[in-house]
Amino acid sequence: MGVAELKIKIVVFGAYNAGKSSFIRALDPFSRHIEAENADGSTTVAMDFGRIRIGDHSVFLFGTPGQERFEFARKVLSRGMDGAIVVVDSTRDMDEITMNLFQWLKTRGIPIAVMANKCDCADALPDQIRAKAPWFPVHAISARTGMNVESSLRAFLSEILSARVPLP
């Protein structure tokens, strides 16, 4: 008898313009995004959705909007999540929304990873992010170029799977 396929739900959180949609798109070029145009181009207003197969696992990625007014969407999308990723713009100081996300996610009892995005930029400061989020593993990535994106997700998936309690 073969190994049963595992379905893993990961919700991707982060502040406005941190790179959540780009992170999901780097993993799944056919991902779906519900966006609206704004002065910066576009922004997620409902969710992003992507999926990737890693070994025997189907990983479903749900990206949340980054603006504070969409807190309700973050709560709806987080139901039943197996893990949470927080994408942080490593070229800026962490904002209040991100710090509040960390506090809220710490209470959920699920694996959490931080993706320090834009680490291909000259002014990136991933060590500052590690200092401000010492409770979680921090992965230096570039969602725009794809640098370390899949390997970081694979490492996080290993953490999620090791945290699961086997059924009797």
N, C-alpha and C. Protein backbone atom coordinates (compact mmCIF):
# COMPACT_ATOMS: atom_id res chain seq x y z
N MET A 1 0.85 -1.18 0.00
CA MET A 1 0.00 0.00 0.00
C MET A 1 0.90 1.24 0.00
N GLY A 2 0.61 2.23 -0.86
CA GLY A 2 1.41 3.44 -0.98
C GLY A 2 1.12 4.43 0.14
N VAL A 3 1.95 5.44 0.19
CA VAL A 3 1.78 6.49 1.18
C VAL A 3 0.61 7.38 0.75
N ALA A 4 -0.27 7.68 1.69
CA ALA A 4 -1.41 8.54 1.39
C ALA A 4 -0.95 9.97 1.15
N GLU A 5 -1.58 10.61 0.19
CA GLU A 5 -1.27 12.01 -0.09
C GLU A 5 -1.70 12.87 1.09
N LEU A 6 -0.82 13.77 1.49
CA LEU A 6 -1.15 14.72 2.55
C LEU A 6 -1.47 16.06 1.91
N LYS A 7 -2.52 16.70 2.39
CA LYS A 7 -2.86 18.05 1.95
C LYS A 7 -2.52 19.00 3.07
N ILE A 8 -1.73 20.00 2.76
CA ILE A 8 -1.24 20.95 3.74
C ILE A 8 -1.75 22.34 3.37
N LYS A 9 -2.37 23.01 4.33
CA LYS A 9 -2.86 24.38 4.12
C LYS A 9 -1.91 25.34 4.82
N ILE A 10 -1.30 26.21 4.03
CA ILE A 10 -0.42 27.24 4.58
C ILE A 10 -1.01 28.60 4.23
N VAL A 11 -1.12 29.45 5.22
CA VAL A 11 -1.64 30.80 5.00
C VAL A 11 -0.45 31.76 5.06
N VAL A 12 -0.39 32.65 4.07
CA VAL A 12 0.70 33.60 3.92
C VAL A 12 0.21 34.97 4.36
N PHE A 13 0.84 35.48 5.42
CA PHE A 13 0.48 36.77 6.00
C PHE A 13 1.61 37.78 5.75
N GLY A 14 1.32 39.04 6.00
CA GLY A 14 2.33 40.08 5.91
C GLY A 14 1.69 41.42 5.67
N ALA A 15 2.47 42.46 5.86
CA ALA A 15 1.99 43.82 5.68
C ALA A 15 1.84 44.14 4.20
N TYR A 16 1.23 45.25 3.92
CA TYR A 16 1.04 45.75 2.55
C TYR A 16 2.39 45.83 1.84
N ASN A 17 2.47 45.30 0.64
CA ASN A 17 3.64 45.38 -0.23
C ASN A 17 4.86 44.61 0.29
N ALA A 18 4.64 43.64 1.15
CA ALA A 18 5.76 42.83 1.65
C ALA A 18 6.21 41.81 0.61
N GLY A 19 5.28 41.38 -0.27
CA GLY A 19 5.63 40.42 -1.30
C GLY A 19 4.90 39.10 -1.20
N LYS A 20 3.75 39.09 -0.55
CA LYS A 20 2.98 37.84 -0.37
C LYS A 20 2.53 37.26 -1.71
N SER A 21 1.94 38.07 -2.56
CA SER A 21 1.48 37.60 -3.88
C SER A 21 2.66 37.13 -4.72
N SER A 22 3.76 37.86 -4.68
CA SER A 22 4.95 37.48 -5.44
C SER A 22 5.53 36.17 -4.93
N PHE A 23 5.48 35.95 -3.62
CA PHE A 23 5.95 34.71 -3.02
C PHE A 23 5.14 33.53 -3.56
N ILE A 24 3.82 33.67 -3.55
CA ILE A 24 2.96 32.59 -4.04
C ILE A 24 3.16 32.38 -5.54
N ARG A 25 3.28 33.47 -6.29
CA ARG A 25 3.48 33.38 -7.74
C ARG A 25 4.83 32.72 -8.07
N ALA A 26 5.85 32.94 -7.24
CA ALA A 26 7.16 32.31 -7.46
C ALA A 26 7.06 30.80 -7.31
N LEU A 27 6.16 30.33 -6.46
CA LEU A 27 5.97 28.89 -6.25
C LEU A 27 5.01 28.29 -7.26
N ASP A 28 3.98 29.04 -7.63
CA ASP A 28 2.97 28.56 -8.58
C ASP A 28 2.68 29.65 -9.60
N PRO A 29 3.30 29.57 -10.77
CA PRO A 29 3.09 30.60 -11.79
C PRO A 29 1.63 30.71 -12.25
N PHE A 30 0.82 29.68 -11.98
CA PHE A 30 -0.59 29.70 -12.38
C PHE A 30 -1.51 30.07 -11.22
N SER A 31 -0.93 30.62 -10.16
CA SER A 31 -1.73 30.99 -8.99
C SER A 31 -2.76 32.06 -9.35
N ARG A 32 -3.76 32.17 -8.50
CA ARG A 32 -4.85 33.12 -8.71
C ARG A 32 -4.77 34.23 -7.66
N HIS A 33 -5.14 35.44 -8.11
CA HIS A 33 -5.04 36.61 -7.23
C HIS A 33 -6.26 37.49 -7.43
N ILE A 34 -6.87 37.90 -6.33
CA ILE A 34 -8.00 38.83 -6.39
C ILE A 34 -7.43 40.18 -5.98
N GLU A 35 -7.23 41.05 -6.97
CA GLU A 35 -6.52 42.30 -6.77
C GLU A 35 -7.33 43.49 -7.26
N ALA A 36 -6.92 44.65 -6.81
CA ALA A 36 -7.47 45.92 -7.29
C ALA A 36 -6.30 46.84 -7.62
N GLU A 37 -6.50 47.67 -8.61
CA GLU A 37 -5.47 48.63 -8.99
C GLU A 37 -5.37 49.74 -7.94
N ASN A 38 -4.15 50.20 -7.72
CA ASN A 38 -3.92 51.34 -6.84
C ASN A 38 -2.73 52.13 -7.36
N ALA A 39 -2.29 53.13 -6.63
CA ALA A 39 -1.20 54.00 -7.08
C ALA A 39 0.11 53.24 -7.29
N ASP A 40 0.30 52.14 -6.55
CA ASP A 40 1.54 51.35 -6.65
C ASP A 40 1.45 50.24 -7.69
N GLY A 41 0.33 50.10 -8.36
CA GLY A 41 0.12 49.03 -9.34
C GLY A 41 -1.13 48.26 -9.00
N SER A 42 -1.00 47.25 -8.12
CA SER A 42 -2.17 46.51 -7.67
C SER A 42 -1.91 45.98 -6.27
N THR A 43 -2.99 45.61 -5.61
CA THR A 43 -2.89 45.08 -4.25
C THR A 43 -3.96 44.02 -4.07
N THR A 44 -3.66 43.04 -3.23
CA THR A 44 -4.62 41.98 -2.94
C THR A 44 -5.75 42.54 -2.09
N VAL A 45 -6.98 42.25 -2.51
CA VAL A 45 -8.14 42.75 -1.75
C VAL A 45 -8.99 41.62 -1.18
N ALA A 46 -8.71 40.39 -1.52
CA ALA A 46 -9.45 39.27 -0.94
C ALA A 46 -8.47 38.17 -0.57
N MET A 47 -7.85 37.56 -1.59
CA MET A 47 -6.89 36.51 -1.30
C MET A 47 -6.09 36.16 -2.55
N ASP A 48 -5.00 35.45 -2.32
CA ASP A 48 -4.23 34.81 -3.37
C ASP A 48 -4.39 33.31 -3.13
N PHE A 49 -4.28 32.53 -4.20
CA PHE A 49 -4.34 31.09 -4.03
C PHE A 49 -3.37 30.43 -5.00
N GLY A 50 -2.55 29.55 -4.44
CA GLY A 50 -1.63 28.78 -5.26
C GLY A 50 -1.49 27.39 -4.68
N ARG A 51 -0.98 26.50 -5.49
CA ARG A 51 -0.73 25.14 -4.99
C ARG A 51 0.54 24.62 -5.63
N ILE A 52 1.21 23.78 -4.86
CA ILE A 52 2.45 23.19 -5.32
C ILE A 52 2.52 21.78 -4.76
N ARG A 53 3.07 20.90 -5.52
CA ARG A 53 3.23 19.52 -5.07
C ARG A 53 4.69 19.33 -4.66
N ILE A 54 4.90 18.84 -3.46
CA ILE A 54 6.23 18.54 -2.96
C ILE A 54 6.20 17.10 -2.46
N GLY A 55 6.85 16.22 -3.18
CA GLY A 55 6.80 14.80 -2.85
C GLY A 55 5.38 14.30 -2.91
N ASP A 56 4.93 13.65 -1.84
CA ASP A 56 3.56 13.14 -1.76
C ASP A 56 2.60 14.17 -1.17
N HIS A 57 3.02 15.40 -1.09
CA HIS A 57 2.22 16.42 -0.40
C HIS A 57 1.70 17.47 -1.38
N SER A 58 0.43 17.77 -1.28
CA SER A 58 -0.16 18.90 -1.99
C SER A 58 -0.21 20.05 -1.01
N VAL A 59 0.50 21.12 -1.35
CA VAL A 59 0.56 22.29 -0.48
C VAL A 59 -0.31 23.37 -1.09
N PHE A 60 -1.30 23.81 -0.32
CA PHE A 60 -2.23 24.86 -0.74
C PHE A 60 -1.84 26.14 -0.03
N LEU A 61 -1.57 27.19 -0.80
CA LEU A 61 -1.12 28.47 -0.27
C LEU A 61 -2.23 29.51 -0.41
N PHE A 62 -2.59 30.11 0.70
CA PHE A 62 -3.61 31.15 0.72
C PHE A 62 -2.96 32.44 1.19
N GLY A 63 -2.92 33.44 0.33
CA GLY A 63 -2.34 34.73 0.68
C GLY A 63 -3.41 35.69 1.16
N THR A 64 -3.09 36.41 2.20
CA THR A 64 -4.04 37.35 2.80
C THR A 64 -3.71 38.78 2.38
N PRO A 65 -4.71 39.65 2.40
CA PRO A 65 -4.44 41.07 2.13
C PRO A 65 -3.64 41.67 3.29
N GLY A 66 -2.81 42.66 2.98
CA GLY A 66 -1.94 43.24 4.00
C GLY A 66 -2.47 44.45 4.73
N GLN A 67 -3.53 45.05 4.22
CA GLN A 67 -4.05 46.25 4.89
C GLN A 67 -4.82 45.86 6.15
N GLU A 68 -4.74 46.71 7.15
CA GLU A 68 -5.38 46.43 8.44
C GLU A 68 -6.89 46.22 8.31
N ARG A 69 -7.53 46.90 7.39
CA ARG A 69 -8.98 46.81 7.26
C ARG A 69 -9.46 45.43 6.83
N PHE A 70 -8.53 44.57 6.36
CA PHE A 70 -8.90 43.23 5.92
C PHE A 70 -8.63 42.17 6.98
N GLU A 71 -8.64 42.56 8.24
CA GLU A 71 -8.41 41.60 9.32
C GLU A 71 -9.41 40.45 9.27
N PHE A 72 -10.66 40.75 8.93
CA PHE A 72 -11.68 39.70 8.84
C PHE A 72 -11.29 38.64 7.82
N ALA A 73 -10.70 39.04 6.69
CA ALA A 73 -10.29 38.08 5.66
C ALA A 73 -9.16 37.20 6.18
N ARG A 74 -8.23 37.79 6.93
CA ARG A 74 -7.14 37.00 7.50
C ARG A 74 -7.68 35.94 8.44
N LYS A 75 -8.67 36.30 9.24
CA LYS A 75 -9.24 35.34 10.19
C LYS A 75 -9.99 34.22 9.47
N VAL A 76 -10.73 34.56 8.43
CA VAL A 76 -11.47 33.54 7.68
C VAL A 76 -10.49 32.58 7.00
N LEU A 77 -9.47 33.12 6.31
CA LEU A 77 -8.51 32.29 5.59
C LEU A 77 -7.66 31.43 6.53
N SER A 78 -7.50 31.86 7.77
CA SER A 78 -6.64 31.13 8.70
C SER A 78 -7.30 29.89 9.31
N ARG A 79 -8.59 29.74 9.14
CA ARG A 79 -9.27 28.57 9.70
C ARG A 79 -8.72 27.30 9.10
N GLY A 80 -8.32 26.38 9.95
CA GLY A 80 -7.84 25.08 9.50
C GLY A 80 -6.44 25.08 8.93
N MET A 81 -5.68 26.14 9.15
CA MET A 81 -4.32 26.18 8.59
C MET A 81 -3.40 25.23 9.34
N ASP A 82 -2.50 24.62 8.59
CA ASP A 82 -1.49 23.73 9.16
C ASP A 82 -0.21 24.47 9.49
N GLY A 83 -0.03 25.64 8.89
CA GLY A 83 1.16 26.45 9.12
C GLY A 83 0.93 27.85 8.61
N ALA A 84 1.73 28.78 9.12
CA ALA A 84 1.63 30.18 8.72
C ALA A 84 2.99 30.69 8.30
N ILE A 85 3.00 31.43 7.21
CA ILE A 85 4.21 32.12 6.76
C ILE A 85 3.94 33.61 6.86
N VAL A 86 4.89 34.34 7.43
CA VAL A 86 4.80 35.79 7.47
C VAL A 86 5.90 36.32 6.54
N VAL A 87 5.48 37.01 5.49
CA VAL A 87 6.43 37.62 4.57
C VAL A 87 6.71 39.04 5.07
N VAL A 88 7.99 39.34 5.22
CA VAL A 88 8.42 40.64 5.74
C VAL A 88 9.35 41.29 4.72
N ASP A 89 9.14 42.57 4.46
CA ASP A 89 10.01 43.33 3.57
C ASP A 89 11.29 43.64 4.34
N SER A 90 12.40 43.01 3.95
CA SER A 90 13.64 43.18 4.71
C SER A 90 14.35 44.51 4.43
N THR A 91 13.76 45.35 3.57
CA THR A 91 14.36 46.67 3.32
C THR A 91 13.73 47.75 4.19
N ARG A 92 12.71 47.37 4.97
CA ARG A 92 12.03 48.32 5.85
C ARG A 92 11.98 47.78 7.27
N ASP A 93 11.80 48.67 8.20
CA ASP A 93 11.62 48.25 9.59
C ASP A 93 10.25 47.59 9.71
N MET A 94 10.12 46.65 10.62
CA MET A 94 8.84 45.96 10.80
C MET A 94 7.80 46.93 11.33
N ASP A 95 6.62 46.86 10.75
CA ASP A 95 5.54 47.76 11.16
C ASP A 95 4.68 47.12 12.25
N GLU A 96 3.74 47.89 12.72
CA GLU A 96 2.86 47.44 13.81
C GLU A 96 1.97 46.27 13.38
N ILE A 97 1.50 46.29 12.14
CA ILE A 97 0.66 45.19 11.66
C ILE A 97 1.42 43.86 11.73
N THR A 98 2.67 43.86 11.30
CA THR A 98 3.48 42.64 11.33
C THR A 98 3.71 42.18 12.76
N MET A 99 4.04 43.10 13.64
CA MET A 99 4.27 42.72 15.04
C MET A 99 2.99 42.16 15.66
N ASN A 100 1.84 42.74 15.33
CA ASN A 100 0.55 42.21 15.83
C ASN A 100 0.27 40.83 15.25
N LEU A 101 0.61 40.62 13.98
CA LEU A 101 0.46 39.29 13.38
C LEU A 101 1.29 38.25 14.13
N PHE A 102 2.53 38.59 14.44
CA PHE A 102 3.38 37.67 15.19
C PHE A 102 2.74 37.29 16.51
N GLN A 103 2.25 38.29 17.23
CA GLN A 103 1.63 38.02 18.54
C GLN A 103 0.40 37.13 18.38
N TRP A 104 -0.44 37.43 17.41
CA TRP A 104 -1.66 36.64 17.19
C TRP A 104 -1.32 35.21 16.77
N LEU A 105 -0.36 35.07 15.85
CA LEU A 105 0.00 33.74 15.36
C LEU A 105 0.65 32.88 16.44
N LYS A 106 1.42 33.50 17.34
CA LYS A 106 2.06 32.74 18.42
C LYS A 106 1.04 32.02 19.28
N THR A 107 -0.16 32.55 19.37
CA THR A 107 -1.20 31.93 20.21
C THR A 107 -1.92 30.79 19.51
N ARG A 108 -1.66 30.57 18.22
CA ARG A 108 -2.41 29.59 17.43
C ARG A 108 -1.90 28.16 17.61
N GLY A 109 -0.68 27.99 18.09
CA GLY A 109 -0.15 26.65 18.30
C GLY A 109 0.18 25.90 17.02
N ILE A 110 0.57 26.60 15.99
CA ILE A 110 0.92 25.99 14.72
C ILE A 110 2.35 26.41 14.33
N PRO A 111 3.00 25.67 13.45
CA PRO A 111 4.32 26.09 12.97
C PRO A 111 4.22 27.42 12.20
N ILE A 112 5.22 28.25 12.41
CA ILE A 112 5.27 29.57 11.78
C ILE A 112 6.69 29.79 11.25
N ALA A 113 6.78 30.35 10.07
CA ALA A 113 8.08 30.73 9.49
C ALA A 113 8.00 32.14 8.96
N VAL A 114 9.13 32.81 8.97
CA VAL A 114 9.22 34.17 8.44
C VAL A 114 10.05 34.12 7.16
N MET A 115 9.53 34.74 6.12
CA MET A 115 10.26 34.88 4.87
C MET A 115 10.71 36.34 4.77
N ALA A 116 12.00 36.57 4.97
CA ALA A 116 12.57 37.92 4.87
C ALA A 116 12.77 38.19 3.38
N ASN A 117 11.80 38.87 2.79
CA ASN A 117 11.77 39.09 1.35
C ASN A 117 12.64 40.28 0.95
N LYS A 118 12.95 40.33 -0.32
CA LYS A 118 13.73 41.40 -0.95
C LYS A 118 15.18 41.37 -0.49
N CYS A 119 15.67 40.17 -0.13
CA CYS A 119 17.06 40.03 0.32
C CYS A 119 18.06 40.17 -0.81
N ASP A 120 17.58 40.31 -2.05
CA ASP A 120 18.46 40.58 -3.18
C ASP A 120 18.76 42.07 -3.31
N CYS A 121 18.13 42.90 -2.50
CA CYS A 121 18.33 44.35 -2.53
C CYS A 121 19.53 44.73 -1.67
N ALA A 122 20.23 45.78 -2.08
CA ALA A 122 21.44 46.20 -1.36
C ALA A 122 21.14 46.64 0.07
N ASP A 123 19.95 47.18 0.31
CA ASP A 123 19.64 47.69 1.64
C ASP A 123 18.84 46.70 2.49
N ALA A 124 18.89 45.42 2.14
CA ALA A 124 18.18 44.39 2.90
C ALA A 124 18.84 44.17 4.26
N LEU A 125 18.01 43.93 5.28
CA LEU A 125 18.51 43.74 6.64
C LEU A 125 17.86 42.52 7.29
N PRO A 126 18.11 41.31 6.77
CA PRO A 126 17.47 40.13 7.34
C PRO A 126 17.86 39.86 8.79
N ASP A 127 19.06 40.28 9.21
CA ASP A 127 19.47 40.06 10.61
C ASP A 127 18.61 40.87 11.58
N GLN A 128 18.17 42.04 11.16
CA GLN A 128 17.27 42.84 12.01
C GLN A 128 15.93 42.12 12.17
N ILE A 129 15.47 41.47 11.12
CA ILE A 129 14.21 40.73 11.21
C ILE A 129 14.38 39.55 12.16
N ARG A 130 15.51 38.85 12.06
CA ARG A 130 15.77 37.74 12.98
C ARG A 130 15.76 38.22 14.43
N ALA A 131 16.30 39.40 14.68
CA ALA A 131 16.34 39.94 16.04
C ALA A 131 14.94 40.30 16.55
N LYS A 132 14.07 40.74 15.64
CA LYS A 132 12.72 41.14 16.05
C LYS A 132 11.73 39.98 16.08
N ALA A 133 12.09 38.85 15.48
CA ALA A 133 11.21 37.68 15.47
C ALA A 133 12.01 36.44 15.91
N PRO A 134 12.57 36.47 17.11
CA PRO A 134 13.46 35.37 17.53
C PRO A 134 12.74 34.04 17.77
N TRP A 135 11.41 34.05 17.79
CA TRP A 135 10.64 32.84 18.09
C TRP A 135 10.46 31.96 16.88
N PHE A 136 10.75 32.49 15.68
CA PHE A 136 10.44 31.78 14.45
C PHE A 136 11.68 31.63 13.57
N PRO A 137 11.73 30.57 12.74
CA PRO A 137 12.82 30.49 11.76
C PRO A 137 12.64 31.58 10.71
N VAL A 138 13.74 32.22 10.32
CA VAL A 138 13.71 33.29 9.32
C VAL A 138 14.51 32.83 8.11
N HIS A 139 13.88 32.90 6.94
CA HIS A 139 14.50 32.51 5.68
C HIS A 139 14.70 33.75 4.81
N ALA A 140 15.91 33.96 4.33
CA ALA A 140 16.21 35.08 3.44
C ALA A 140 15.83 34.67 2.02
N ILE A 141 14.91 35.43 1.41
CA ILE A 141 14.41 35.09 0.07
C ILE A 141 14.31 36.34 -0.81
N SER A 142 14.06 36.10 -2.07
CA SER A 142 13.61 37.14 -2.99
C SER A 142 12.45 36.56 -3.78
N ALA A 143 11.25 36.98 -3.48
CA ALA A 143 10.08 36.48 -4.19
C ALA A 143 10.11 36.92 -5.65
N ARG A 144 10.68 38.07 -5.92
CA ARG A 144 10.73 38.59 -7.29
C ARG A 144 11.61 37.73 -8.18
N THR A 145 12.77 37.31 -7.67
CA THR A 145 13.70 36.50 -8.48
C THR A 145 13.52 35.01 -8.24
N GLY A 146 12.83 34.63 -7.15
CA GLY A 146 12.66 33.22 -6.81
C GLY A 146 13.77 32.69 -5.92
N MET A 147 14.74 33.54 -5.56
CA MET A 147 15.87 33.11 -4.74
C MET A 147 15.41 32.51 -3.41
N ASN A 148 15.77 31.25 -3.17
CA ASN A 148 15.50 30.53 -1.91
C ASN A 148 14.02 30.32 -1.60
N VAL A 149 13.12 30.64 -2.50
CA VAL A 149 11.69 30.53 -2.21
C VAL A 149 11.27 29.07 -2.03
N GLU A 150 11.56 28.23 -3.02
CA GLU A 150 11.11 26.84 -2.90
C GLU A 150 11.87 26.09 -1.81
N SER A 151 13.16 26.33 -1.68
CA SER A 151 13.92 25.63 -0.63
C SER A 151 13.44 26.04 0.75
N SER A 152 13.06 27.31 0.92
CA SER A 152 12.54 27.76 2.21
C SER A 152 11.18 27.13 2.51
N LEU A 153 10.34 27.01 1.48
CA LEU A 153 9.05 26.35 1.67
C LEU A 153 9.26 24.87 2.02
N ARG A 154 10.19 24.22 1.37
CA ARG A 154 10.49 22.81 1.66
C ARG A 154 10.94 22.65 3.12
N ALA A 155 11.80 23.54 3.58
CA ALA A 155 12.27 23.48 4.97
C ALA A 155 11.10 23.67 5.94
N PHE A 156 10.22 24.60 5.61
CA PHE A 156 9.06 24.84 6.46
C PHE A 156 8.10 23.66 6.43
N LEU A 157 7.92 23.07 5.27
CA LEU A 157 7.05 21.89 5.17
C LEU A 157 7.59 20.76 6.05
N SER A 158 8.90 20.57 6.09
CA SER A 158 9.50 19.56 6.97
C SER A 158 9.16 19.84 8.43
N GLU A 159 9.19 21.12 8.80
CA GLU A 159 8.85 21.50 10.18
C GLU A 159 7.37 21.19 10.47
N ILE A 160 6.50 21.51 9.53
CA ILE A 160 5.08 21.24 9.70
C ILE A 160 4.83 19.74 9.88
N LEU A 161 5.46 18.96 9.03
CA LEU A 161 5.24 17.51 9.08
C LEU A 161 5.81 16.90 10.37
N SER A 162 6.92 17.43 10.86
CA SER A 162 7.48 16.88 12.10
C SER A 162 6.65 17.29 13.32
N ALA A 163 5.88 18.37 13.20
CA ALA A 163 5.05 18.82 14.31
C ALA A 163 3.72 18.08 14.40
N ARG A 164 3.35 17.42 13.31
CA ARG A 164 2.07 16.68 13.30
C ARG A 164 2.14 15.47 14.22
N VAL A 165 1.08 15.24 14.94
CA VAL A 165 0.98 14.08 15.80
C VAL A 165 0.44 12.93 14.97
N PRO A 166 1.16 11.80 14.89
CA PRO A 166 0.64 10.69 14.09
C PRO A 166 -0.65 10.12 14.68
N LEU A 167 -1.53 9.69 13.81
CA LEU A 167 -2.78 9.09 14.26
C LEU A 167 -2.52 7.67 14.75
N PRO A 168 -3.29 7.19 15.75
CA PRO A 168 -3.07 5.84 16.28
C PRO A 168 -3.40 4.78 15.27
